Amino acid sequence: MNRKRITLLVLIALGLLSAYFFFFGGGFSTLGEQDNDFAVQDTGSITKIFIADKNNTTVTLTRVNGGQWMVNGHYVARQDCINNLLVTIKMLAVKNLIDPRGFPVVVKRLASSALKVEIYSGDKRIKMYYVGGPTQDQTGTYMLLANHNTGKNYSQPYIMYIPGFNGYLTSRYFTPEPDWRDRTILRSSPYQLKSVQVLYPGSDSGFGITILGRNRFTLDNPLTKQNIPAFDTIAVKQYLTYYQTLSWETSAENPKKDSILNSVPIALINVLDTSGKKYEIKLFHRQTPEADKDKYGIAYKYDPDRMYALINGKDFVIVQFFVFGKMLQNIAYFTHAPETHVEK
């Protein structure tokens, strides 16, 4: 082996050792905590979970009165994601030690890309650890515990898993705020609604429904102020069931957002419930993604599967035609065969 190669290997080894000692502390806690004690058995006592990635993106999940979880103090959290995370926190167990041959690589990856997780009970931090990537067979996750009092990292990372679960756990810890948010726009029974109004800008074919009581409704055209005396109440009841659960699919990222919001909406949906809460949904066309232009063998002008939506004047999101398309009816829907309004 020539001298240059030996020098290179020595430099690489020194670099790995530097990363190791920079990122890791050493030994066991003086307070009796072991370096593999990741799990929190009493997840009911957890009041806050903080997650940070190496790009300085953070998310704080907080339990508030009544057991509801909030995202960054502003939005209701997705309960399915919260439940998934709490189960993970409770069930974490050591699967294996790190193979000495792969130890330097694991150390390097943890130092460069691990997620930092802090768990609190009240104002007290009760657990702190780092979540790395999956093992080669995708059945374990590299993790490193830190002393939750001092914040000093232990020296020994572990391969962690959940007994009975065949997969890795990294994806259960994430930082993007939109991914944690509850996507429900409204959830109600038909008789928790007071009124529903659907308007089509540039057209007088919109309608308004007022719920007066069980099987008692009025139907009118909000623009012409025309009351519709004869209509099918079964069709009205069926239509109102479409509002039992409304959700958006994902947050929208589009550099032309302002242009989209300044364009003429497909429809405006206004809902008022019996508690007086108002919901406003503006629907906008979405250009068909390039990859989907030949999806159905038809060159649709607009995406036939999804629309943009502005929810309550603040959340710019993507919604599915499967959910919202059936809501875009006109008065004819309640008096004879339904007609649609959406250009595709």
C-alpha atoms as a PDB file:
ATOM      1  CA  MET A   1       0.000   0.000   0.000  1.00  0.00           C
ATOM      2  CA  ASN A   2       1.595   3.294  -1.055  1.00  0.00           C
ATOM      3  CA  ARG A   3       2.180   6.207   1.302  1.00  0.00           C
ATOM      4  CA  LYS A   4      -0.515   8.464  -0.257  1.00  0.00           C
ATOM      5  CA  ARG A   5      -3.187   5.835   0.243  1.00  0.00           C
ATOM      6  CA  ILE A   6      -2.158   5.264   3.868  1.00  0.00           C
ATOM      7  CA  THR A   7      -2.293   9.006   4.481  1.00  0.00           C
ATOM      8  CA  LEU A   8      -5.767   9.182   2.912  1.00  0.00           C
ATOM      9  CA  LEU A   9      -7.086   6.341   5.064  1.00  0.00           C
ATOM     10  CA  VAL A  10      -5.670   7.956   8.204  1.00  0.00           C
ATOM     11  CA  LEU A  11      -7.384  11.261   7.318  1.00  0.00           C
ATOM     12  CA  ILE A  12     -10.689   9.495   6.719  1.00  0.00           C
ATOM     13  CA  ALA A  13     -10.413   7.675  10.043  1.00  0.00           C
ATOM     14  CA  LEU A  14      -9.602  10.920  11.832  1.00  0.00           C
ATOM     15  CA  GLY A  15     -12.582  12.591  10.174  1.00  0.00           C
ATOM     16  CA  LEU A  16     -14.933   9.851  11.339  1.00  0.00           C
ATOM     17  CA  LEU A  17     -13.513  10.013  14.843  1.00  0.00           C
ATOM     18  CA  SER A  18     -13.986  13.785  14.869  1.00  0.00           C
ATOM     19  CA  ALA A  19     -17.612  13.393  13.804  1.00  0.00           C
ATOM     20  CA  TYR A  20     -18.083  10.727  16.444  1.00  0.00           C
ATOM     21  CA  PHE A  21     -16.739  12.782  19.327  1.00  0.00           C
ATOM     22  CA  PHE A  22     -18.491  15.933  18.120  1.00  0.00           C
ATOM     23  CA  PHE A  23     -21.910  14.285  17.914  1.00  0.00           C
ATOM     24  CA  PHE A  24     -21.689  11.705  20.678  1.00  0.00           C
ATOM     25  CA  GLY A  25     -20.940  12.062  24.327  1.00  0.00           C
ATOM     26  CA  GLY A  26     -20.098   8.927  26.198  1.00  0.00           C
ATOM     27  CA  GLY A  27     -21.022   6.505  28.912  1.00  0.00           C
ATOM     28  CA  PHE A  28     -24.178   6.129  30.952  1.00  0.00           C
ATOM     29  CA  SER A  29     -26.213   8.721  32.820  1.00  0.00           C
ATOM     30  CA  THR A  30     -25.189   9.434  36.397  1.00  0.00           C
ATOM     31  CA  LEU A  31     -28.908   9.466  37.185  1.00  0.00           C
ATOM     32  CA  GLY A  32     -29.384   5.810  36.322  1.00  0.00           C
ATOM     33  CA  GLU A  33     -30.877   6.121  32.823  1.00  0.00           C
ATOM     34  CA  GLN A  34     -29.538   3.523  30.388  1.00  0.00           C
ATOM     35  CA  ASP A  35     -28.385   4.447  26.908  1.00  0.00           C
ATOM     36  CA  ASN A  36     -31.048   2.207  25.352  1.00  0.00           C
ATOM     37  CA  ASP A  37     -34.040   3.409  27.394  1.00  0.00           C
ATOM     38  CA  PHE A  38     -35.964   5.025  24.524  1.00  0.00           C
ATOM     39  CA  ALA A  39     -39.587   4.150  25.295  1.00  0.00           C
ATOM     40  CA  VAL A  40     -42.120   6.165  27.297  1.00  0.00           C
ATOM     41  CA  GLN A  41     -44.624   3.732  28.743  1.00  0.00           C
ATOM     42  CA  ASP A  42     -47.091   6.298  30.040  1.00  0.00           C
ATOM     43  CA  THR A  43     -47.871   8.202  26.856  1.00  0.00           C
ATOM     44  CA  GLY A  44     -50.907   9.699  28.578  1.00  0.00           C
ATOM     45  CA  SER A  45     -48.512  11.867  30.585  1.00  0.00           C
ATOM     46  CA  ILE A  46     -46.912  13.345  27.457  1.00  0.00           C
ATOM     47  CA  THR A  47     -47.879  16.978  26.912  1.00  0.00           C
ATOM     48  CA  LYS A  48     -45.467  18.059  24.174  1.00  0.00           C
ATOM     49  CA  ILE A  49     -43.344  16.530  21.430  1.00  0.00           C
ATOM     50  CA  PHE A  50     -40.709  18.555  19.619  1.00  0.00           C
ATOM     51  CA  ILE A  51     -39.103  17.328  16.368  1.00  0.00           C
ATOM     52  CA  ALA A  52     -36.318  19.063  14.443  1.00  0.00           C
ATOM     53  CA  ASP A  53     -34.447  18.098  11.296  1.00  0.00           C
ATOM     54  CA  LYS A  54     -31.009  19.088  10.045  1.00  0.00           C
ATOM     55  CA  ASN A  55     -32.516  21.842   7.851  1.00  0.00           C
ATOM     56  CA  ASN A  56     -33.719  23.643  10.996  1.00  0.00           C
ATOM     57  CA  THR A  57     -37.330  22.778  10.209  1.00  0.00           C
ATOM     58  CA  THR A  58     -39.147  22.104  13.455  1.00  0.00           C
ATOM     59  CA  VAL A  59     -42.602  21.104  14.598  1.00  0.00           C
ATOM     60  CA  THR A  60     -44.076  21.251  18.098  1.00  0.00           C
ATOM     61  CA  LEU A  61     -47.023  19.013  18.932  1.00  0.00           C
ATOM     62  CA  THR A  62     -48.883  20.023  22.082  1.00  0.00           C
ATOM     63  CA  ARG A  63     -51.675  18.314  23.975  1.00  0.00           C
ATOM     64  CA  VAL A  64     -54.320  20.820  25.059  1.00  0.00           C
ATOM     65  CA  ASN A  65     -57.403  20.595  27.253  1.00  0.00           C
ATOM     66  CA  GLY A  66     -59.663  17.709  26.334  1.00  0.00           C
ATOM     67  CA  GLY A  67     -56.810  15.659  24.923  1.00  0.00           C
ATOM     68  CA  GLN A  68     -56.733  17.357  21.532  1.00  0.00           C
ATOM     69  CA  TRP A  69     -53.330  17.874  19.934  1.00  0.00           C
ATOM     70  CA  MET A  70     -52.247  21.088  18.227  1.00  0.00           C
ATOM     71  CA  VAL A  71     -49.546  21.725  15.624  1.00  0.00           C
ATOM     72  CA  ASN A  72     -47.258  24.653  16.427  1.00  0.00           C
ATOM     73  CA  GLY A  73     -49.999  26.097  18.605  1.00  0.00           C
ATOM     74  CA  HIS A  74     -52.150  27.086  15.609  1.00  0.00           C
ATOM     75  CA  TYR A  75     -53.752  24.051  13.953  1.00  0.00           C
ATOM     76  CA  VAL A  76     -55.514  20.899  15.064  1.00  0.00           C
ATOM     77  CA  ALA A  77     -53.267  17.874  14.504  1.00  0.00           C
ATOM     78  CA  ARG A  78     -54.134  14.784  12.495  1.00  0.00           C
ATOM     79  CA  GLN A  79     -55.217  12.267  15.092  1.00  0.00           C
ATOM     80  CA  ASP A  80     -54.065   9.291  13.029  1.00  0.00           C
ATOM     81  CA  CYS A  81     -50.501  10.661  12.880  1.00  0.00           C
ATOM     82  CA  ILE A  82     -50.544  11.506  16.603  1.00  0.00           C
ATOM     83  CA  ASN A  83     -51.769   8.008  17.483  1.00  0.00           C
ATOM     84  CA  ASN A  84     -49.115   6.458  15.265  1.00  0.00           C
ATOM     85  CA  LEU A  85     -46.381   8.518  16.912  1.00  0.00           C
ATOM     86  CA  LEU A  86     -47.550   7.801  20.465  1.00  0.00           C
ATOM     87  CA  VAL A  87     -47.671   4.064  19.778  1.00  0.00           C
ATOM     88  CA  THR A  88     -44.132   4.284  18.400  1.00  0.00           C
ATOM     89  CA  ILE A  89     -42.904   6.220  21.442  1.00  0.00           C
ATOM     90  CA  LYS A  90     -44.422   3.634  23.765  1.00  0.00           C
ATOM     91  CA  MET A  91     -43.383   0.470  21.946  1.00  0.00           C
ATOM     92  CA  LEU A  92     -39.766   1.297  20.995  1.00  0.00           C
ATOM     93  CA  ALA A  93     -37.450  -1.611  21.720  1.00  0.00           C
ATOM     94  CA  VAL A  94     -33.869  -2.552  20.913  1.00  0.00           C
ATOM     95  CA  LYS A  95     -33.593  -4.973  18.038  1.00  0.00           C
ATOM     96  CA  ASN A  96     -29.822  -5.221  17.691  1.00  0.00           C
ATOM     97  CA  LEU A  97     -26.527  -3.567  18.462  1.00  0.00           C
ATOM     98  CA  ILE A  98     -24.662  -1.915  15.611  1.00  0.00           C
ATOM     99  CA  ASP A  99     -22.371  -4.205  13.619  1.00  0.00           C
ATOM    100  CA  PRO A 100     -18.829  -2.942  14.389  1.00  0.00           C
ATOM    101  CA  ARG A 101     -17.995  -3.036  10.681  1.00  0.00           C
ATOM    102  CA  GLY A 102     -20.773  -0.559   9.896  1.00  0.00           C
ATOM    103  CA  PHE A 103     -20.408   1.551  13.034  1.00  0.00           C
ATOM    104  CA  PRO A 104     -18.478   4.447  11.402  1.00  0.00           C
ATOM    105  CA  VAL A 105     -21.074   4.768   8.612  1.00  0.00           C
ATOM    106  CA  VAL A 106     -23.974   4.776  11.096  1.00  0.00           C
ATOM    107  CA  VAL A 107     -22.214   7.421  13.188  1.00  0.00           C
ATOM    108  CA  LYS A 108     -21.642   9.599  10.148  1.00  0.00           C
ATOM    109  CA  ARG A 109     -25.258   9.336   8.970  1.00  0.00           C
ATOM    110  CA  LEU A 110     -26.685  10.071  12.401  1.00  0.00           C
ATOM    111  CA  ALA A 111     -24.447  13.100  12.722  1.00  0.00           C
ATOM    112  CA  SER A 112     -25.489  14.454   9.333  1.00  0.00           C
ATOM    113  CA  SER A 113     -29.172  13.634   8.967  1.00  0.00           C
ATOM    114  CA  ALA A 114     -30.832  12.398  12.168  1.00  0.00           C
ATOM    115  CA  LEU A 115     -34.047  13.929  13.460  1.00  0.00           C
ATOM    116  CA  LYS A 116     -33.936  15.282  16.999  1.00  0.00           C
ATOM    117  CA  VAL A 117     -36.886  14.321  19.208  1.00  0.00           C
ATOM    118  CA  GLU A 118     -37.710  15.805  22.610  1.00  0.00           C
ATOM    119  CA  ILE A 119     -40.624  14.555  24.721  1.00  0.00           C
ATOM    120  CA  TYR A 120     -42.106  16.513  27.617  1.00  0.00           C
ATOM    121  CA  SER A 121     -44.421  15.895  30.537  1.00  0.00           C
ATOM    122  CA  GLY A 122     -45.623  19.276  31.697  1.00  0.00           C
ATOM    123  CA  ASP A 123     -42.619  21.580  31.462  1.00  0.00           C
ATOM    124  CA  LYS A 124     -40.136  18.775  32.113  1.00  0.00           C
ATOM    125  CA  ARG A 125     -38.240  17.066  29.313  1.00  0.00           C
ATOM    126  CA  ILE A 126     -38.476  13.344  29.972  1.00  0.00           C
ATOM    127  CA  LYS A 127     -36.861  11.897  26.856  1.00  0.00           C
ATOM    128  CA  MET A 128     -34.487  13.048  24.130  1.00  0.00           C
ATOM    129  CA  TYR A 129     -33.173  11.009  21.231  1.00  0.00           C
ATOM    130  CA  TYR A 130     -32.145  11.070  17.576  1.00  0.00           C
ATOM    131  CA  VAL A 131     -33.885   9.133  14.801  1.00  0.00           C
ATOM    132  CA  GLY A 132     -31.791   8.059  11.857  1.00  0.00           C
ATOM    133  CA  GLY A 133     -32.537   6.100   8.724  1.00  0.00           C
ATOM    134  CA  PRO A 134     -33.516   2.474   8.178  1.00  0.00           C
ATOM    135  CA  THR A 135     -31.306  -0.572   8.249  1.00  0.00           C
ATOM    136  CA  GLN A 136     -30.446  -2.205   4.950  1.00  0.00           C
ATOM    137  CA  ASP A 137     -33.271  -4.731   5.303  1.00  0.00           C
ATOM    138  CA  GLN A 138     -35.754  -1.921   6.134  1.00  0.00           C
ATOM    139  CA  THR A 139     -36.853  -3.642   9.355  1.00  0.00           C
ATOM    140  CA  GLY A 140     -34.974  -1.538  11.898  1.00  0.00           C
ATOM    141  CA  THR A 141     -34.171   2.121  12.540  1.00  0.00           C
ATOM    142  CA  TYR A 142     -30.908   3.603  13.786  1.00  0.00           C
ATOM    143  CA  MET A 143     -31.436   5.696  16.917  1.00  0.00           C
ATOM    144  CA  LEU A 144     -29.322   7.356  19.569  1.00  0.00           C
ATOM    145  CA  LEU A 145     -30.460   8.339  23.047  1.00  0.00           C
ATOM    146  CA  ALA A 146     -29.342  11.498  24.847  1.00  0.00           C
ATOM    147  CA  ASN A 147     -29.461  12.365  28.526  1.00  0.00           C
ATOM    148  CA  HIS A 148     -32.728  14.252  28.831  1.00  0.00           C
ATOM    149  CA  ASN A 149     -31.416  16.350  31.716  1.00  0.00           C
ATOM    150  CA  THR A 150     -28.084  17.471  30.279  1.00  0.00           C
ATOM    151  CA  GLY A 151     -28.770  17.018  26.553  1.00  0.00           C
ATOM    152  CA  LYS A 152     -25.476  15.124  26.220  1.00  0.00           C
ATOM    153  CA  ASN A 153     -25.554  12.290  23.687  1.00  0.00           C
ATOM    154  CA  TYR A 154     -24.697   8.745  24.675  1.00  0.00           C
ATOM    155  CA  SER A 155     -21.956   6.973  22.748  1.00  0.00           C
ATOM    156  CA  GLN A 156     -23.864   3.879  21.649  1.00  0.00           C
ATOM    157  CA  PRO A 157     -26.528   4.040  18.901  1.00  0.00           C
ATOM    158  CA  TYR A 158     -28.950   1.116  18.527  1.00  0.00           C
ATOM    159  CA  ILE A 159     -31.122  -0.533  15.940  1.00  0.00           C
ATOM    160  CA  MET A 160     -34.661   0.031  17.189  1.00  0.00           C
ATOM    161  CA  TYR A 161     -37.986  -1.487  16.173  1.00  0.00           C
ATOM    162  CA  ILE A 162     -41.528  -2.158  17.340  1.00  0.00           C
ATOM    163  CA  PRO A 163     -42.119  -5.819  18.199  1.00  0.00           C
ATOM    164  CA  GLY A 164     -44.549  -7.329  15.729  1.00  0.00           C
ATOM    165  CA  PHE A 165     -44.132  -4.523  13.184  1.00  0.00           C
ATOM    166  CA  ASN A 166     -42.162  -5.294  10.029  1.00  0.00           C
ATOM    167  CA  GLY A 167     -40.769  -1.989   8.829  1.00  0.00           C
ATOM    168  CA  TYR A 168     -38.734   1.058   9.803  1.00  0.00           C
ATOM    169  CA  LEU A 169     -39.861   3.981  11.955  1.00  0.00           C
ATOM    170  CA  THR A 170     -38.223   7.087  10.481  1.00  0.00           C
ATOM    171  CA  SER A 171     -41.339   8.073   8.533  1.00  0.00           C
ATOM    172  CA  ARG A 172     -43.347   8.371  11.763  1.00  0.00           C
ATOM    173  CA  TYR A 173     -41.209  11.319  12.827  1.00  0.00           C
ATOM    174  CA  PHE A 174     -41.446  14.274  10.433  1.00  0.00           C
ATOM    175  CA  THR A 175     -41.327  18.059  10.554  1.00  0.00           C
ATOM    176  CA  PRO A 176     -43.400  19.671   7.738  1.00  0.00           C
ATOM    177  CA  GLU A 177     -46.300  21.465   9.420  1.00  0.00           C
ATOM    178  CA  PRO A 178     -48.895  20.758   6.661  1.00  0.00           C
ATOM    179  CA  ASP A 179     -48.308  17.020   6.978  1.00  0.00           C
ATOM    180  CA  TRP A 180     -49.257  17.121  10.673  1.00  0.00           C
ATOM    181  CA  ARG A 181     -52.383  19.227  10.230  1.00  0.00           C
ATOM    182  CA  ASP A 182     -55.882  17.815  10.423  1.00  0.00           C
ATOM    183  CA  ARG A 183     -57.286  18.138   6.893  1.00  0.00           C
ATOM    184  CA  THR A 184     -60.923  18.181   7.896  1.00  0.00           C
ATOM    185  CA  ILE A 185     -62.796  21.253   6.671  1.00  0.00           C
ATOM    186  CA  LEU A 186     -66.033  20.372   8.413  1.00  0.00           C
ATOM    187  CA  ARG A 187     -67.688  17.366   9.988  1.00  0.00           C
ATOM    188  CA  SER A 188     -71.401  17.385  10.767  1.00  0.00           C
ATOM    189  CA  SER A 189     -74.745  15.668  10.420  1.00  0.00           C
ATOM    190  CA  PRO A 190     -77.310  17.205   8.014  1.00  0.00           C
ATOM    191  CA  TYR A 191     -79.299  18.613  10.930  1.00  0.00           C
ATOM    192  CA  GLN A 192     -76.264  20.346  12.376  1.00  0.00           C
ATOM    193  CA  LEU A 193     -76.307  22.512   9.271  1.00  0.00           C
ATOM    194  CA  LYS A 194     -78.405  25.653   9.048  1.00  0.00           C
ATOM    195  CA  SER A 195     -77.815  26.569   5.425  1.00  0.00           C
ATOM    196  CA  VAL A 196     -75.779  25.681   2.362  1.00  0.00           C
ATOM    197  CA  GLN A 197     -75.246  28.014  -0.574  1.00  0.00           C
ATOM    198  CA  VAL A 198     -73.488  27.235  -3.859  1.00  0.00           C
ATOM    199  CA  LEU A 199     -72.749  30.027  -6.341  1.00  0.00           C
ATOM    200  CA  TYR A 200     -71.195  29.889  -9.792  1.00  0.00           C
ATOM    201  CA  PRO A 201     -69.599  33.245 -10.709  1.00  0.00           C
ATOM    202  CA  GLY A 202     -70.923  34.455 -14.057  1.00  0.00           C
ATOM    203  CA  SER A 203     -73.972  32.201 -13.848  1.00  0.00           C
ATOM    204  CA  ASP A 204     -77.343  32.384 -12.116  1.00  0.00           C
ATOM    205  CA  SER A 205     -77.640  28.610 -11.725  1.00  0.00           C
ATOM    206  CA  GLY A 206     -76.573  28.548  -8.082  1.00  0.00           C
ATOM    207  CA  PHE A 207     -78.823  27.532  -5.220  1.00  0.00           C
ATOM    208  CA  GLY A 208     -79.365  27.892  -1.510  1.00  0.00           C
ATOM    209  CA  ILE A 209     -80.776  25.391   0.944  1.00  0.00           C
ATOM    210  CA  THR A 210     -82.051  26.345   4.389  1.00  0.00           C
ATOM    211  CA  ILE A 211     -82.677  23.583   6.904  1.00  0.00           C
ATOM    212  CA  LEU A 212     -85.775  24.388   8.971  1.00  0.00           C
ATOM    213  CA  GLY A 213     -86.051  21.073  10.772  1.00  0.00           C
ATOM    214  CA  ARG A 214     -86.278  17.364  10.129  1.00  0.00           C
ATOM    215  CA  ASN A 215     -87.500  16.904   6.537  1.00  0.00           C
ATOM    216  CA  ARG A 216     -88.220  20.643   6.319  1.00  0.00           C
ATOM    217  CA  PHE A 217     -86.211  22.734   3.877  1.00  0.00           C
ATOM    218  CA  THR A 218     -86.425  25.735   1.624  1.00  0.00           C
ATOM    219  CA  LEU A 219     -84.739  25.964  -1.770  1.00  0.00           C
ATOM    220  CA  ASP A 220     -84.007  29.192  -3.587  1.00  0.00           C
ATOM    221  CA  ASN A 221     -81.801  30.892  -6.140  1.00  0.00           C
ATOM    222  CA  PRO A 222     -79.619  33.347  -4.169  1.00  0.00           C
ATOM    223  CA  LEU A 223     -78.976  35.595  -7.183  1.00  0.00           C
ATOM    224  CA  THR A 224     -82.505  35.914  -8.528  1.00  0.00           C
ATOM    225  CA  LYS A 225     -84.046  35.670  -5.033  1.00  0.00           C
ATOM    226  CA  GLN A 226     -86.463  33.180  -6.559  1.00  0.00           C
ATOM    227  CA  ASN A 227     -88.009  30.703  -4.147  1.00  0.00           C
ATOM    228  CA  ILE A 228     -88.489  27.203  -5.553  1.00  0.00           C
ATOM    229  CA  PRO A 229     -91.830  25.980  -4.187  1.00  0.00           C
ATOM    230  CA  ALA A 230     -91.716  22.412  -5.530  1.00  0.00           C
ATOM    231  CA  PHE A 231     -88.627  20.246  -5.157  1.00  0.00           C
ATOM    232  CA  ASP A 232     -87.621  16.737  -4.148  1.00  0.00           C
ATOM    233  CA  THR A 233     -86.885  16.684  -0.398  1.00  0.00           C
ATOM    234  CA  ILE A 234     -85.220  13.277  -0.752  1.00  0.00           C
ATOM    235  CA  ALA A 235     -82.757  14.825  -3.215  1.00  0.00           C
ATOM    236  CA  VAL A 236     -82.095  17.648  -0.714  1.00  0.00           C
ATOM    237  CA  LYS A 237     -81.481  15.180   2.112  1.00  0.00           C
ATOM    238  CA  GLN A 238     -79.164  13.147  -0.095  1.00  0.00           C
ATOM    239  CA  TYR A 239     -77.273  16.275  -1.122  1.00  0.00           C
ATOM    240  CA  LEU A 240     -76.765  17.402   2.489  1.00  0.00           C
ATOM    241  CA  THR A 241     -75.099  14.088   3.340  1.00  0.00           C
ATOM    242  CA  TYR A 242     -72.227  15.178   1.081  1.00  0.00           C
ATOM    243  CA  TYR A 243     -71.285  17.676   3.803  1.00  0.00           C
ATOM    244  CA  GLN A 244     -70.947  15.157   6.610  1.00  0.00           C
ATOM    245  CA  THR A 245     -67.159  15.040   6.197  1.00  0.00           C
ATOM    246  CA  LEU A 246     -65.200  17.366   3.946  1.00  0.00           C
ATOM    247  CA  SER A 247     -61.412  17.240   3.829  1.00  0.00           C
ATOM    248  CA  TRP A 248     -58.626  18.587   1.675  1.00  0.00           C
ATOM    249  CA  GLU A 249     -56.004  16.268   0.241  1.00  0.00           C
ATOM    250  CA  THR A 250     -52.762  18.214   0.573  1.00  0.00           C
ATOM    251  CA  SER A 251     -51.469  21.744   0.861  1.00  0.00           C
ATOM    252  CA  ALA A 252     -50.873  23.467  -2.484  1.00  0.00           C
ATOM    253  CA  GLU A 253     -47.481  24.728  -3.575  1.00  0.00           C
ATOM    254  CA  ASN A 254     -47.701  26.823  -6.730  1.00  0.00           C
ATOM    255  CA  PRO A 255     -45.665  29.896  -7.712  1.00  0.00           C
ATOM    256  CA  LYS A 256     -48.771  31.159  -9.525  1.00  0.00           C
ATOM    257  CA  LYS A 257     -50.876  31.107  -6.374  1.00  0.00           C
ATOM    258  CA  ASP A 258     -51.784  34.812  -6.548  1.00  0.00           C
ATOM    259  CA  SER A 259     -52.789  34.491 -10.181  1.00  0.00           C
ATOM    260  CA  ILE A 260     -54.943  31.455  -9.395  1.00  0.00           C
ATOM    261  CA  LEU A 261     -56.693  33.178  -6.502  1.00  0.00           C
ATOM    262  CA  ASN A 262     -57.374  36.228  -8.670  1.00  0.00           C
ATOM    263  CA  SER A 263     -58.973  34.107 -11.382  1.00  0.00           C
ATOM    264  CA  VAL A 264     -62.696  33.396 -11.570  1.00  0.00           C
ATOM    265  CA  PRO A 265     -63.547  30.505  -9.218  1.00  0.00           C
ATOM    266  CA  ILE A 266     -65.349  27.417 -10.412  1.00  0.00           C
ATOM    267  CA  ALA A 267     -67.730  27.762  -7.493  1.00  0.00           C
ATOM    268  CA  LEU A 268     -68.218  29.382  -4.102  1.00  0.00           C
ATOM    269  CA  ILE A 269     -69.604  27.194  -1.333  1.00  0.00           C
ATOM    270  CA  ASN A 270     -70.837  28.798   1.872  1.00  0.00           C
ATOM    271  CA  VAL A 271     -71.993  26.725   4.819  1.00  0.00           C
ATOM    272  CA  LEU A 272     -73.497  27.878   8.103  1.00  0.00           C
ATOM    273  CA  ASP A 273     -74.004  25.439  10.982  1.00  0.00           C
ATOM    274  CA  THR A 274     -76.429  25.645  13.874  1.00  0.00           C
ATOM    275  CA  SER A 275     -73.716  26.962  16.215  1.00  0.00           C
ATOM    276  CA  GLY A 276     -73.265  29.969  13.950  1.00  0.00           C
ATOM    277  CA  LYS A 277     -69.901  28.846  12.531  1.00  0.00           C
ATOM    278  CA  LYS A 278     -69.317  29.750   8.892  1.00  0.00           C
ATOM    279  CA  TYR A 279     -67.321  27.865   6.289  1.00  0.00           C
ATOM    280  CA  GLU A 280     -66.265  29.363   2.967  1.00  0.00           C
ATOM    281  CA  ILE A 281     -64.812  27.239   0.174  1.00  0.00           C
ATOM    282  CA  LYS A 282     -63.636  28.716  -3.124  1.00  0.00           C
ATOM    283  CA  LEU A 283     -62.826  26.193  -5.840  1.00  0.00           C
ATOM    284  CA  PHE A 284     -60.444  26.909  -8.732  1.00  0.00           C
ATOM    285  CA  HIS A 285     -59.357  25.032 -11.831  1.00  0.00           C
ATOM    286  CA  ARG A 286     -55.995  23.284 -11.720  1.00  0.00           C
ATOM    287  CA  GLN A 287     -53.909  22.700 -14.801  1.00  0.00           C
ATOM    288  CA  THR A 288     -53.509  19.029 -15.603  1.00  0.00           C
ATOM    289  CA  PRO A 289     -50.032  17.875 -14.485  1.00  0.00           C
ATOM    290  CA  GLU A 290     -47.792  17.088 -17.441  1.00  0.00           C
ATOM    291  CA  ALA A 291     -47.444  13.454 -16.374  1.00  0.00           C
ATOM    292  CA  ASP A 292     -51.256  13.001 -16.359  1.00  0.00           C
ATOM    293  CA  LYS A 293     -52.145  14.635 -19.683  1.00  0.00           C
ATOM    294  CA  ASP A 294     -52.704  11.286 -21.415  1.00  0.00           C
ATOM    295  CA  LYS A 295     -53.913   9.496 -18.290  1.00  0.00           C
ATOM    296  CA  TYR A 296     -57.445   8.899 -19.578  1.00  0.00           C
ATOM    297  CA  GLY A 297     -56.760   9.201 -23.303  1.00  0.00           C
ATOM    298  CA  ILE A 298     -58.530  12.578 -23.340  1.00  0.00           C
ATOM    299  CA  ALA A 299     -56.808  15.959 -23.461  1.00  0.00           C
ATOM    300  CA  TYR A 300     -58.653  17.631 -20.587  1.00  0.00           C
ATOM    301  CA  LYS A 301     -58.261  21.392 -20.394  1.00  0.00           C
ATOM    302  CA  TYR A 302     -58.092  21.145 -16.600  1.00  0.00           C
ATOM    303  CA  ASP A 303     -57.166  18.418 -14.153  1.00  0.00           C
ATOM    304  CA  PRO A 304     -60.169  16.035 -14.051  1.00  0.00           C
ATOM    305  CA  ASP A 305     -59.213  14.657 -10.653  1.00  0.00           C
ATOM    306  CA  ARG A 306     -58.263  17.641  -8.503  1.00  0.00           C
ATOM    307  CA  MET A 307     -58.938  21.335  -7.944  1.00  0.00           C
ATOM    308  CA  TYR A 308     -57.373  24.111  -5.960  1.00  0.00           C
ATOM    309  CA  ALA A 309     -59.364  25.417  -3.024  1.00  0.00           C
ATOM    310  CA  LEU A 310     -59.140  28.387  -0.689  1.00  0.00           C
ATOM    311  CA  ILE A 311     -60.602  27.432   2.682  1.00  0.00           C
ATOM    312  CA  ASN A 312     -61.995  30.185   4.910  1.00  0.00           C
ATOM    313  CA  GLY A 313     -59.857  32.752   3.127  1.00  0.00           C
ATOM    314  CA  LYS A 314     -56.520  31.388   4.366  1.00  0.00           C
ATOM    315  CA  ASP A 315     -55.655  27.787   3.476  1.00  0.00           C
ATOM    316  CA  PHE A 316     -54.647  27.215  -0.153  1.00  0.00           C
ATOM    317  CA  VAL A 317     -55.000  23.473  -0.725  1.00  0.00           C
ATOM    318  CA  ILE A 318     -55.751  20.741  -3.237  1.00  0.00           C
ATOM    319  CA  VAL A 319     -59.074  18.888  -3.087  1.00  0.00           C
ATOM    320  CA  GLN A 320     -60.433  15.919  -5.008  1.00  0.00           C
ATOM    321  CA  PHE A 321     -63.259  15.997  -7.540  1.00  0.00           C
ATOM    322  CA  PHE A 322     -64.309  12.680  -6.028  1.00  0.00           C
ATOM    323  CA  VAL A 323     -65.234  14.558  -2.833  1.00  0.00           C
ATOM    324  CA  PHE A 324     -66.325  17.968  -4.122  1.00  0.00           C
ATOM    325  CA  GLY A 325     -67.553  17.209  -7.639  1.00  0.00           C
ATOM    326  CA  LYS A 326     -70.890  15.827  -6.474  1.00  0.00           C
ATOM    327  CA  MET A 327     -71.536  19.040  -4.526  1.00  0.00           C
ATOM    328  CA  LEU A 328     -71.411  21.126  -7.707  1.00  0.00           C
ATOM    329  CA  GLN A 329     -75.037  20.778  -8.710  1.00  0.00           C
ATOM    330  CA  ASN A 330     -77.751  23.269  -9.683  1.00  0.00           C
ATOM    331  CA  ILE A 331     -81.421  23.681  -8.923  1.00  0.00           C
ATOM    332  CA  ALA A 332     -82.300  21.117 -11.570  1.00  0.00           C
ATOM    333  CA  TYR A 333     -80.673  18.462  -9.378  1.00  0.00           C
ATOM    334  CA  PHE A 334     -83.482  18.937  -6.853  1.00  0.00           C
ATOM    335  CA  THR A 335     -86.319  19.093  -9.389  1.00  0.00           C
ATOM    336  CA  HIS A 336     -85.316  16.627 -12.131  1.00  0.00           C
ATOM    337  CA  ALA A 337     -82.227  14.874 -13.522  1.00  0.00           C
ATOM    338  CA  PRO A 338     -79.053  16.505 -12.157  1.00  0.00           C
ATOM    339  CA  GLU A 339     -76.735  18.581 -14.327  1.00  0.00           C
ATOM    340  CA  THR A 340     -73.081  19.427 -13.680  1.00  0.00           C
ATOM    341  CA  HIS A 341     -71.249  22.692 -14.098  1.00  0.00           C
ATOM    342  CA  VAL A 342     -67.571  21.948 -14.077  1.00  0.00           C
ATOM    343  CA  GLU A 343     -65.595  22.286 -17.297  1.00  0.00           C
ATOM    344  CA  LYS A 344     -62.852  19.695 -17.640  1.00  0.00           C
END
